[in-house]
PDB file of N, CA and C in Angstrom:
ATOM      1  N   LYS A   1     -11.168 -12.189  -6.437  1.00  0.00           N
ATOM      2  CA  LYS A   1     -10.390 -10.921  -6.589  1.00  0.00           C
ATOM      3  C   LYS A   1      -9.868 -10.504  -5.359  1.00  0.00           C
ATOM      4  N   GLY A   2     -10.516 -10.646  -4.287  1.00  0.00           N
ATOM      5  CA  GLY A   2     -10.033 -10.233  -2.983  1.00  0.00           C
ATOM      6  C   GLY A   2      -8.813 -11.025  -2.538  1.00  0.00           C
ATOM      7  N   GLN A   3      -8.822 -12.228  -2.855  1.00  0.00           N
ATOM      8  CA  GLN A   3      -7.683 -13.102  -2.540  1.00  0.00           C
ATOM      9  C   GLN A   3      -6.475 -12.578  -3.284  1.00  0.00           C
ATOM     10  N   LEU A   4      -6.650 -12.069  -4.521  1.00  0.00           N
ATOM     11  CA  LEU A   4      -5.511 -11.599  -5.204  1.00  0.00           C
ATOM     12  C   LEU A   4      -4.891 -10.495  -4.557  1.00  0.00           C
ATOM     13  N   LEU A   5      -5.597  -9.600  -3.903  1.00  0.00           N
ATOM     14  CA  LEU A   5      -5.132  -8.501  -3.142  1.00  0.00           C
ATOM     15  C   LEU A   5      -4.226  -8.904  -2.142  1.00  0.00           C
ATOM     16  N   LEU A   6      -4.612 -10.020  -1.364  1.00  0.00           N
ATOM     17  CA  LEU A   6      -3.841 -10.431  -0.257  1.00  0.00           C
ATOM     18  C   LEU A   6      -2.833 -11.281  -0.397  1.00  0.00           C
ATOM     19  N   ALA A   7      -2.895 -12.086  -1.599  1.00  0.00           N
ATOM     20  CA  ALA A   7      -1.842 -13.016  -1.853  1.00  0.00           C
ATOM     21  C   ALA A   7      -0.505 -12.597  -1.960  1.00  0.00           C
ATOM     22  N   PRO A   8       0.512 -12.974  -1.128  1.00  0.00           N
ATOM     23  CA  PRO A   8       1.879 -12.439  -1.349  1.00  0.00           C
ATOM     24  C   PRO A   8       2.426 -12.957  -2.694  1.00  0.00           C
ATOM     25  N   PRO A   9       3.293 -11.999  -3.382  1.00  0.00           N
ATOM     26  CA  PRO A   9       3.756 -10.792  -2.897  1.00  0.00           C
ATOM     27  C   PRO A   9       2.890  -9.603  -3.404  1.00  0.00           C
ATOM     28  N   ALA A  10       1.589  -9.690  -3.586  1.00  0.00           N
ATOM     29  CA  ALA A  10       0.807  -8.513  -4.029  1.00  0.00           C
ATOM     30  C   ALA A  10       0.826  -7.499  -2.966  1.00  0.00           C
ATOM     31  N   LEU A  11       1.044  -7.816  -1.619  1.00  0.00           N
ATOM     32  CA  LEU A  11       1.122  -6.812  -0.640  1.00  0.00           C
ATOM     33  C   LEU A  11       2.357  -7.090   0.059  1.00  0.00           C
ATOM     34  N   THR A  12       3.291  -5.998   0.093  1.00  0.00           N
ATOM     35  CA  THR A  12       4.558  -5.997   0.661  1.00  0.00           C
ATOM     36  C   THR A  12       4.718  -4.988   1.748  1.00  0.00           C
ATOM     37  N   SER A  13       5.174  -5.225   2.938  1.00  0.00           N
ATOM     38  CA  SER A  13       5.485  -4.141   3.929  1.00  0.00           C
ATOM     39  C   SER A  13       7.023  -3.961   3.908  1.00  0.00           C
ATOM     40  N   PHE A  14       7.270  -2.660   3.783  1.00  0.00           N
ATOM     41  CA  PHE A  14       8.789  -2.292   3.812  1.00  0.00           C
ATOM     42  C   PHE A  14       9.024  -1.555   5.195  1.00  0.00           C
ATOM     43  N   ASN A  15      10.010  -2.066   5.927  1.00  0.00           N
ATOM     44  CA  ASN A  15      10.502  -1.424   7.153  1.00  0.00           C
ATOM     45  C   ASN A  15      11.697  -0.764   6.977  1.00  0.00           C
ATOM     46  N   THR A  16      11.901   0.475   7.378  1.00  0.00           N
ATOM     47  CA  THR A  16      13.126   1.293   7.337  1.00  0.00           C
ATOM     48  C   THR A  16      13.493   1.542   8.725  1.00  0.00           C
ATOM     49  N   SER A  17      14.046   2.730   8.929  1.00  0.00           N
ATOM     50  CA  SER A  17      14.667   3.116  10.259  1.00  0.00           C
ATOM     51  C   SER A  17      13.423   3.337  11.243  1.00  0.00           C
ATOM     52  N   ALA A  18      12.222   3.503  10.790  1.00  0.00           N
ATOM     53  CA  ALA A  18      11.004   3.668  11.755  1.00  0.00           C
ATOM     54  C   ALA A  18      10.218   2.392  11.683  1.00  0.00           C
ATOM     55  N   PRO A  19      10.345   1.424  12.378  1.00  0.00           N
ATOM     56  CA  PRO A  19       9.616   0.137  12.293  1.00  0.00           C
ATOM     57  C   PRO A  19       8.106   0.321  12.713  1.00  0.00           C
ATOM     58  N   GLN A  20       7.871   1.401  13.506  1.00  0.00           N
ATOM     59  CA  GLN A  20       6.458   1.513  13.834  1.00  0.00           C
ATOM     60  C   GLN A  20       5.539   1.990  12.785  1.00  0.00           C
ATOM     61  N   ASP A  21       6.289   2.437  11.674  1.00  0.00           N
ATOM     62  CA  ASP A  21       5.477   2.925  10.566  1.00  0.00           C
ATOM     63  C   ASP A  21       5.887   2.098   9.200  1.00  0.00           C
ATOM     64  N   TRP A  22       5.395   1.007   9.071  1.00  0.00           N
ATOM     65  CA  TRP A  22       5.632   0.147   7.844  1.00  0.00           C
ATOM     66  C   TRP A  22       5.172   0.792   6.717  1.00  0.00           C
ATOM     67  N   LYS A  23       5.724   0.879   5.479  1.00  0.00           N
ATOM     68  CA  LYS A  23       5.248   1.379   4.274  1.00  0.00           C
ATOM     69  C   LYS A  23       4.771   0.169   3.546  1.00  0.00           C
ATOM     70  N   ARG A  24       3.438   0.116   3.172  1.00  0.00           N
ATOM     71  CA  ARG A  24       3.010  -0.986   2.324  1.00  0.00           C
ATOM     72  C   ARG A  24       2.832  -0.637   0.971  1.00  0.00           C
ATOM     73  N   VAL A  25       3.298  -1.540   0.133  1.00  0.00           N
ATOM     74  CA  VAL A  25       3.105  -1.427  -1.292  1.00  0.00           C
ATOM     75  C   VAL A  25       2.149  -2.420  -1.766  1.00  0.00           C
ATOM     76  N   VAL A  26       1.041  -2.097  -2.279  1.00  0.00           N
ATOM     77  CA  VAL A  26      -0.078  -2.979  -2.735  1.00  0.00           C
ATOM     78  C   VAL A  26      -0.052  -2.983  -4.278  1.00  0.00           C
ATOM     79  N   LEU A  27      -0.084  -4.240  -4.779  1.00  0.00           N
ATOM     80  CA  LEU A  27      -0.268  -4.420  -6.180  1.00  0.00           C
ATOM     81  C   LEU A  27      -1.803  -4.497  -6.604  1.00  0.00           C
ATOM     82  N   GLY A  28      -2.183  -3.418  -7.304  1.00  0.00           N
ATOM     83  CA  GLY A  28      -3.585  -3.321  -7.593  1.00  0.00           C
ATOM     84  C   GLY A  28      -4.002  -4.132  -8.813  1.00  0.00           C
ATOM     85  N   SER A  29      -5.291  -4.267  -8.923  1.00  0.00           N
ATOM     86  CA  SER A  29      -5.890  -5.247  -9.973  1.00  0.00           C
ATOM     87  C   SER A  29      -5.474  -4.614 -11.357  1.00  0.00           C
ATOM     88  N   SER A  30      -5.098  -3.347 -11.477  1.00  0.00           N
ATOM     89  CA  SER A  30      -4.734  -2.888 -12.737  1.00  0.00           C
ATOM     90  C   SER A  30      -3.240  -3.186 -13.084  1.00  0.00           C
ATOM     91  N   GLY A  31      -2.518  -3.719 -12.151  1.00  0.00           N
ATOM     92  CA  GLY A  31      -1.105  -4.040 -12.321  1.00  0.00           C
ATOM     93  C   GLY A  31      -0.158  -3.006 -11.778  1.00  0.00           C
ATOM     94  N   ARG A  32      -0.772  -1.908 -11.412  1.00  0.00           N
ATOM     95  CA  ARG A  32      -0.083  -0.732 -10.763  1.00  0.00           C
ATOM     96  C   ARG A  32       0.253  -1.061  -9.368  1.00  0.00           C
ATOM     97  N   THR A  33       1.187  -0.369  -8.737  1.00  0.00           N
ATOM     98  CA  THR A  33       1.482  -0.573  -7.274  1.00  0.00           C
ATOM     99  C   THR A  33       1.114   0.771  -6.610  1.00  0.00           C
ATOM    100  N   TYR A  34       0.604   0.659  -5.406  1.00  0.00           N
ATOM    101  CA  TYR A  34       0.208   1.902  -4.642  1.00  0.00           C
ATOM    102  C   TYR A  34       0.788   1.815  -3.140  1.00  0.00           C
ATOM    103  N   THR A  35       1.264   2.905  -2.753  1.00  0.00           N
ATOM    104  CA  THR A  35       1.759   3.021  -1.422  1.00  0.00           C
ATOM    105  C   THR A  35       0.639   3.327  -0.396  1.00  0.00           C
ATOM    106  N   CYS A  36       0.602   2.540   0.723  1.00  0.00           N
ATOM    107  CA  CYS A  36      -0.411   2.701   1.705  1.00  0.00           C
ATOM    108  C   CYS A  36       0.365   2.878   3.152  1.00  0.00           C
ATOM    109  N   LEU A  37      -0.160   3.910   3.761  1.00  0.00           N
ATOM    110  CA  LEU A  37       0.351   4.143   5.156  1.00  0.00           C
ATOM    111  C   LEU A  37      -0.727   3.915   6.064  1.00  0.00           C
ATOM    112  N   ALA A  38      -0.837   2.850   6.666  1.00  0.00           N
ATOM    113  CA  ALA A  38      -1.931   2.474   7.599  1.00  0.00           C
ATOM    114  C   ALA A  38      -1.939   3.359   8.821  1.00  0.00           C
ATOM    115  N   SER A  39      -0.840   3.747   9.276  1.00  0.00           N
ATOM    116  CA  SER A  39      -0.786   4.506  10.465  1.00  0.00           C
ATOM    117  C   SER A  39      -1.414   5.865  10.339  1.00  0.00           C
ATOM    118  N   CYS A  40      -1.499   6.426   9.142  1.00  0.00           N
ATOM    119  CA  CYS A  40      -2.038   7.750   8.925  1.00  0.00           C
ATOM    120  C   CYS A  40      -3.214   7.676   7.906  1.00  0.00           C
ATOM    121  N   HIS A  41      -3.631   6.392   7.681  1.00  0.00           N
ATOM    122  CA  HIS A  41      -4.923   6.074   6.867  1.00  0.00           C
ATOM    123  C   HIS A  41      -4.743   6.741   5.539  1.00  0.00           C
ATOM    124  N   TYR A  42      -3.841   6.334   4.704  1.00  0.00           N
ATOM    125  CA  TYR A  42      -3.532   6.951   3.478  1.00  0.00           C
ATOM    126  C   TYR A  42      -3.124   5.901   2.355  1.00  0.00           C
ATOM    127  N   CYS A  43      -3.671   6.148   1.109  1.00  0.00           N
ATOM    128  CA  CYS A  43      -3.205   5.389   0.065  1.00  0.00           C
ATOM    129  C   CYS A  43      -2.968   6.292  -1.193  1.00  0.00           C
ATOM    130  N   SER A  44      -2.043   5.946  -2.098  1.00  0.00           N
ATOM    131  CA  SER A  44      -1.721   6.771  -3.142  1.00  0.00           C
ATOM    132  C   SER A  44      -2.525   6.590  -4.373  1.00  0.00           C
ATOM    133  N   CYS A  45      -3.516   5.735  -4.333  1.00  0.00           N
ATOM    134  CA  CYS A  45      -4.405   5.507  -5.535  1.00  0.00           C
ATOM    135  C   CYS A  45      -5.369   6.673  -5.689  1.00  0.00           C
ATOM    136  N   PRO A  46      -5.875   6.748  -6.993  1.00  0.00           N
ATOM    137  CA  PRO A  46      -6.848   7.755  -7.390  1.00  0.00           C
ATOM    138  C   PRO A  46      -8.211   7.548  -6.649  1.00  0.00           C
ATOM    139  N   ALA A  47      -8.598   6.346  -6.385  1.00  0.00           N
ATOM    140  CA  ALA A  47      -9.733   6.076  -5.753  1.00  0.00           C
ATOM    141  C   ALA A  47      -9.858   6.656  -4.358  1.00  0.00           C
ATOM    142  N   PHE A  48      -8.707   6.523  -3.664  1.00  0.00           N
ATOM    143  CA  PHE A  48      -8.687   7.064  -2.345  1.00  0.00           C
ATOM    144  C   PHE A  48      -8.751   8.591  -2.373  1.00  0.00           C
ATOM    145  N   ALA A  49      -8.035   9.144  -3.209  1.00  0.00           N
ATOM    146  CA  ALA A  49      -8.088  10.725  -3.354  1.00  0.00           C
ATOM    147  C   ALA A  49      -9.478  11.155  -3.796  1.00  0.00           C
ATOM    148  N   PHE A  50     -10.230  10.446  -4.661  1.00  0.00           N
ATOM    149  CA  PHE A  50     -11.459  10.922  -5.019  1.00  0.00           C
ATOM    150  C   PHE A  50     -12.532  10.442  -4.074  1.00  0.00           C
ATOM    151  N   SER A  51     -12.655   9.205  -3.809  1.00  0.00           N
ATOM    152  CA  SER A  51     -13.910   8.637  -2.980  1.00  0.00           C
ATOM    153  C   SER A  51     -13.725   9.022  -1.413  1.00  0.00           C
ATOM    154  N   VAL A  52     -12.435   8.958  -0.976  1.00  0.00           N
ATOM    155  CA  VAL A  52     -12.337   9.063   0.513  1.00  0.00           C
ATOM    156  C   VAL A  52     -12.057  10.530   0.755  1.00  0.00           C
ATOM    157  N   LEU A  53     -11.133  11.087   0.191  1.00  0.00           N
ATOM    158  CA  LEU A  53     -10.724  12.584   0.569  1.00  0.00           C
ATOM    159  C   LEU A  53     -11.630  13.639  -0.132  1.00  0.00           C
ATOM    160  N   ARG A  54     -12.058  13.485  -1.391  1.00  0.00           N
ATOM    161  CA  ARG A  54     -12.819  14.494  -1.955  1.00  0.00           C
ATOM    162  C   ARG A  54     -14.249  14.337  -1.720  1.00  0.00           C
ATOM    163  N   LYS A  55     -14.885  13.234  -2.085  1.00  0.00           N
ATOM    164  CA  LYS A  55     -16.266  13.052  -2.049  1.00  0.00           C
ATOM    165  C   LYS A  55     -16.768  12.713  -0.463  1.00  0.00           C
ATOM    166  N   GLY A  56     -15.803  11.921   0.140  1.00  0.00           N
ATOM    167  CA  GLY A  56     -16.081  11.452   1.491  1.00  0.00           C
ATOM    168  C   GLY A  56     -17.195  10.429   1.561  1.00  0.00           C
ATOM    169  N   ASP A  57     -17.398   9.684   0.455  1.00  0.00           N
ATOM    170  CA  ASP A  57     -18.462   8.713   0.530  1.00  0.00           C
ATOM    171  C   ASP A  57     -18.049   7.267   0.761  1.00  0.00           C
ATOM    172  N   SER A  58     -16.546   7.238   1.002  1.00  0.00           N
ATOM    173  CA  SER A  58     -16.049   5.902   1.496  1.00  0.00           C
ATOM    174  C   SER A  58     -15.058   6.155   2.518  1.00  0.00           C
ATOM    175  N   LEU A  59     -14.823   5.050   3.422  1.00  0.00           N
ATOM    176  CA  LEU A  59     -13.939   5.207   4.534  1.00  0.00           C
ATOM    177  C   LEU A  59     -12.573   4.803   4.091  1.00  0.00           C
ATOM    178  N   VAL A  60     -12.489   3.900   3.204  1.00  0.00           N
ATOM    179  CA  VAL A  60     -11.158   3.326   2.629  1.00  0.00           C
ATOM    180  C   VAL A  60     -11.235   2.967   1.214  1.00  0.00           C
ATOM    181  N   CYS A  61     -10.138   2.800   0.532  1.00  0.00           N
ATOM    182  CA  CYS A  61     -10.100   2.263  -0.773  1.00  0.00           C
ATOM    183  C   CYS A  61      -9.802   0.779  -0.591  1.00  0.00           C
ATOM    184  N   LYS A  62      -9.841  -0.019  -1.773  1.00  0.00           N
ATOM    185  CA  LYS A  62      -9.662  -1.402  -1.650  1.00  0.00           C
ATOM    186  C   LYS A  62      -8.232  -1.831  -1.273  1.00  0.00           C
ATOM    187  N   HIS A  63      -7.305  -0.970  -1.561  1.00  0.00           N
ATOM    188  CA  HIS A  63      -5.937  -1.211  -1.261  1.00  0.00           C
ATOM    189  C   HIS A  63      -5.614  -1.048   0.317  1.00  0.00           C
ATOM    190  N   LEU A  64      -6.221  -0.004   0.891  1.00  0.00           N
ATOM    191  CA  LEU A  64      -6.049   0.216   2.255  1.00  0.00           C
ATOM    192  C   LEU A  64      -6.798  -0.843   3.051  1.00  0.00           C
ATOM    193  N   LEU A  65      -7.981  -1.337   2.588  1.00  0.00           N
ATOM    194  CA  LEU A  65      -8.743  -2.426   3.148  1.00  0.00           C
ATOM    195  C   LEU A  65      -7.837  -3.747   3.040  1.00  0.00           C
ATOM    196  N   ALA A  66      -7.255  -3.970   2.087  1.00  0.00           N
ATOM    197  CA  ALA A  66      -6.185  -5.121   1.873  1.00  0.00           C
ATOM    198  C   ALA A  66      -5.237  -4.973   2.839  1.00  0.00           C
ATOM    199  N   VAL A  67      -4.639  -3.995   3.121  1.00  0.00           N
ATOM    200  CA  VAL A  67      -3.530  -3.688   4.143  1.00  0.00           C
ATOM    201  C   VAL A  67      -4.117  -3.980   5.508  1.00  0.00           C
ATOM    202  N   TYR A  68      -5.260  -3.468   5.899  1.00  0.00           N
ATOM    203  CA  TYR A  68      -5.855  -3.852   7.158  1.00  0.00           C
ATOM    204  C   TYR A  68      -6.205  -5.321   7.384  1.00  0.00           C
ATOM    205  N   LEU A  69      -6.745  -5.845   6.290  1.00  0.00           N
ATOM    206  CA  LEU A  69      -7.006  -7.324   6.494  1.00  0.00           C
ATOM    207  C   LEU A  69      -5.691  -8.209   6.462  1.00  0.00           C
ATOM    208  N   SER A  70      -4.633  -7.787   5.759  1.00  0.00           N
ATOM    209  CA  SER A  70      -3.454  -8.596   5.847  1.00  0.00           C
ATOM    210  C   SER A  70      -2.814  -8.462   7.225  1.00  0.00           C
ATOM    211  N   GLN A  71      -2.939  -7.277   7.788  1.00  0.00           N
ATOM    212  CA  GLN A  71      -2.486  -7.164   9.129  1.00  0.00           C
ATOM    213  C   GLN A  71      -3.100  -8.089  10.092  1.00  0.00           C
ATOM    214  N   VAL A  72      -4.364  -8.298  10.030  1.00  0.00           N
ATOM    215  CA  VAL A  72      -5.130  -9.228  10.860  1.00  0.00           C
ATOM    216  C   VAL A  72      -4.935 -10.582  10.643  1.00  0.00           C
ATOM    217  N   MET A  73      -4.806 -10.941   9.296  1.00  0.00           N
ATOM    218  CA  MET A  73      -4.512 -12.273   8.835  1.00  0.00           C
ATOM    219  C   MET A  73      -3.092 -12.722   8.761  1.00  0.00           C
ATOM    220  N   ARG A  74      -2.247 -11.679   8.973  1.00  0.00           N
ATOM    221  CA  ARG A  74      -0.843 -11.986   8.869  1.00  0.00           C
ATOM    222  C   ARG A  74      -0.256 -12.588   7.581  1.00  0.00           C
ATOM    223  N   THR A  75      -0.758 -12.020   6.446  1.00  0.00           N
ATOM    224  CA  THR A  75      -0.422 -12.527   5.208  1.00  0.00           C
ATOM    225  C   THR A  75       0.293 -11.685   4.376  1.00  0.00           C
ATOM    226  N   CYS A  76       0.961 -10.703   4.970  1.00  0.00           N
ATOM    227  CA  CYS A  76       1.796  -9.682   4.269  1.00  0.00           C
ATOM    228  C   CYS A  76       3.213 -10.012   4.304  1.00  0.00           C
ATOM    229  N   GLN A  77       3.908  -9.922   3.127  1.00  0.00           N
ATOM    230  CA  GLN A  77       5.323 -10.321   3.019  1.00  0.00           C
ATOM    231  C   GLN A  77       5.982  -8.967   3.641  1.00  0.00           C
ATOM    232  N   GLN A  78       6.992  -9.205   4.654  1.00  0.00           N
ATOM    233  CA  GLN A  78       7.568  -8.082   5.124  1.00  0.00           C
ATOM    234  C   GLN A  78       9.054  -8.048   4.935  1.00  0.00           C
ATOM    235  N   LEU A  79       9.543  -6.986   4.424  1.00  0.00           N
ATOM    236  CA  LEU A  79      10.984  -6.843   4.031  1.00  0.00           C
ATOM    237  C   LEU A  79      11.625  -5.673   4.704  1.00  0.00           C
ATOM    238  N   SER A  80      12.796  -5.819   5.355  1.00  0.00           N
ATOM    239  CA  SER A  80      13.657  -4.619   5.776  1.00  0.00           C
ATOM    240  C   SER A  80      14.500  -4.042   4.776  1.00  0.00           C
ATOM    241  N   VAL A  81      14.393  -2.772   4.526  1.00  0.00           N
ATOM    242  CA  VAL A  81      15.112  -2.204   3.469  1.00  0.00           C
ATOM    243  C   VAL A  81      15.779  -0.828   4.031  1.00  0.00           C
ATOM    244  N   SER A  82      16.753  -0.336   3.286  1.00  0.00           N
ATOM    245  CA  SER A  82      17.374   0.881   3.647  1.00  0.00           C
ATOM    246  C   SER A  82      16.574   2.076   3.193  1.00  0.00           C
ATOM    247  N   ASP A  83      16.744   3.171   3.762  1.00  0.00           N
ATOM    248  CA  ASP A  83      16.001   4.339   3.311  1.00  0.00           C
ATOM    249  C   ASP A  83      16.240   4.570   1.874  1.00  0.00           C
ATOM    250  N   LYS A  84      17.345   4.417   1.247  1.00  0.00           N
ATOM    251  CA  LYS A  84      17.668   4.552  -0.159  1.00  0.00           C
ATOM    252  C   LYS A  84      16.749   3.457  -0.902  1.00  0.00           C
ATOM    253  N   GLN A  85      16.710   2.233  -0.578  1.00  0.00           N
ATOM    254  CA  GLN A  85      16.102   1.322  -1.254  1.00  0.00           C
ATOM    255  C   GLN A  85      14.580   1.567  -1.220  1.00  0.00           C
ATOM    256  N   LEU A  86      14.089   2.076  -0.248  1.00  0.00           N
ATOM    257  CA  LEU A  86      12.629   2.432  -0.187  1.00  0.00           C
ATOM    258  C   LEU A  86      12.415   3.712  -1.072  1.00  0.00           C
ATOM    259  N   THR A  87      13.359   4.542  -1.039  1.00  0.00           N
ATOM    260  CA  THR A  87      13.190   5.735  -1.986  1.00  0.00           C
ATOM    261  C   THR A  87      13.080   5.207  -3.429  1.00  0.00           C
ATOM    262  N   ASP A  88      13.984   4.334  -3.723  1.00  0.00           N
ATOM    263  CA  ASP A  88      14.055   3.685  -5.208  1.00  0.00           C
ATOM    264  C   ASP A  88      12.751   3.159  -5.399  1.00  0.00           C
ATOM    265  N   ILE A  89      12.170   2.375  -4.437  1.00  0.00           N
ATOM    266  CA  ILE A  89      10.835   1.641  -4.721  1.00  0.00           C
ATOM    267  C   ILE A  89       9.821   2.562  -4.944  1.00  0.00           C
ATOM    268  N   LEU A  90       9.694   3.715  -4.155  1.00  0.00           N
ATOM    269  CA  LEU A  90       8.675   4.580  -4.260  1.00  0.00           C
ATOM    270  C   LEU A  90       8.808   5.468  -5.535  1.00  0.00           C
ATOM    271  N   SER A  91      10.062   5.706  -5.918  1.00  0.00           N
ATOM    272  CA  SER A  91      10.306   6.462  -7.118  1.00  0.00           C
ATOM    273  C   SER A  91       9.826   5.613  -8.320  1.00  0.00           C
ATOM    274  N   ALA A  92      10.085   4.484  -8.332  1.00  0.00           N
ATOM    275  CA  ALA A  92       9.622   3.574  -9.322  1.00  0.00           C
ATOM    276  C   ALA A  92       8.157   3.659  -9.545  1.00  0.00           C
ATOM    277  N   GLU A  93       7.424   3.686  -8.419  1.00  0.00           N
ATOM    278  CA  GLU A  93       5.997   3.816  -8.434  1.00  0.00           C
ATOM    279  C   GLU A  93       5.588   5.121  -9.122  1.00  0.00           C
ATOM    280  N   LYS A  94       6.272   6.249  -8.857  1.00  0.00           N
ATOM    281  CA  LYS A  94       5.938   7.482  -9.413  1.00  0.00           C
ATOM    282  C   LYS A  94       6.207   7.438 -10.930  1.00  0.00           C
ATOM    283  N   THR A  95       7.364   6.830 -11.405  1.00  0.00           N
ATOM    284  CA  THR A  95       7.645   6.692 -12.793  1.00  0.00           C
ATOM    285  C   THR A  95       6.602   5.854 -13.486  1.00  0.00           C
ATOM    286  N   GLN A  96       6.062   4.847 -12.832  1.00  0.00           N
ATOM    287  CA  GLN A  96       5.105   3.910 -13.434  1.00  0.00           C
ATOM    288  C   GLN A  96       3.720   4.729 -13.694  1.00  0.00           C
ATOM    289  N   GLU A  97       3.423   5.808 -12.806  1.00  0.00           N
ATOM    290  CA  GLU A  97       2.203   6.605 -12.968  1.00  0.00           C
ATOM    291  C   GLU A  97       2.295   7.541 -14.089  1.00  0.00           C
ATOM    292  N   ALA A  98       3.559   8.035 -14.565  1.00  0.00           N
ATOM    293  CA  ALA A  98       3.774   8.848 -15.650  1.00  0.00           C
ATOM    294  C   ALA A  98       3.416   8.293 -17.106  1.00  0.00           C
TER     295      ALA A  98
END
């Protein structure tokens, strides 16, 4: 299961005009995608909101852990996109949740 999270293209980094803050999109085991921002320790998944932010019984969710591991292992697919393209990608994620 862990290898699925790290296998490209399950985890993709998108670079826009601010290269120091790559936006990572992680394909979850449910088939949904989640946005992770490692620089500010954030994931858009429900588990992060509940277990990390609300209850405080976890430090990270599995998607953010996958991001950190992929950084160390250099297994993340990296793409440069325009701000508009990134907006479209993140909007598609929100539509997917509805």
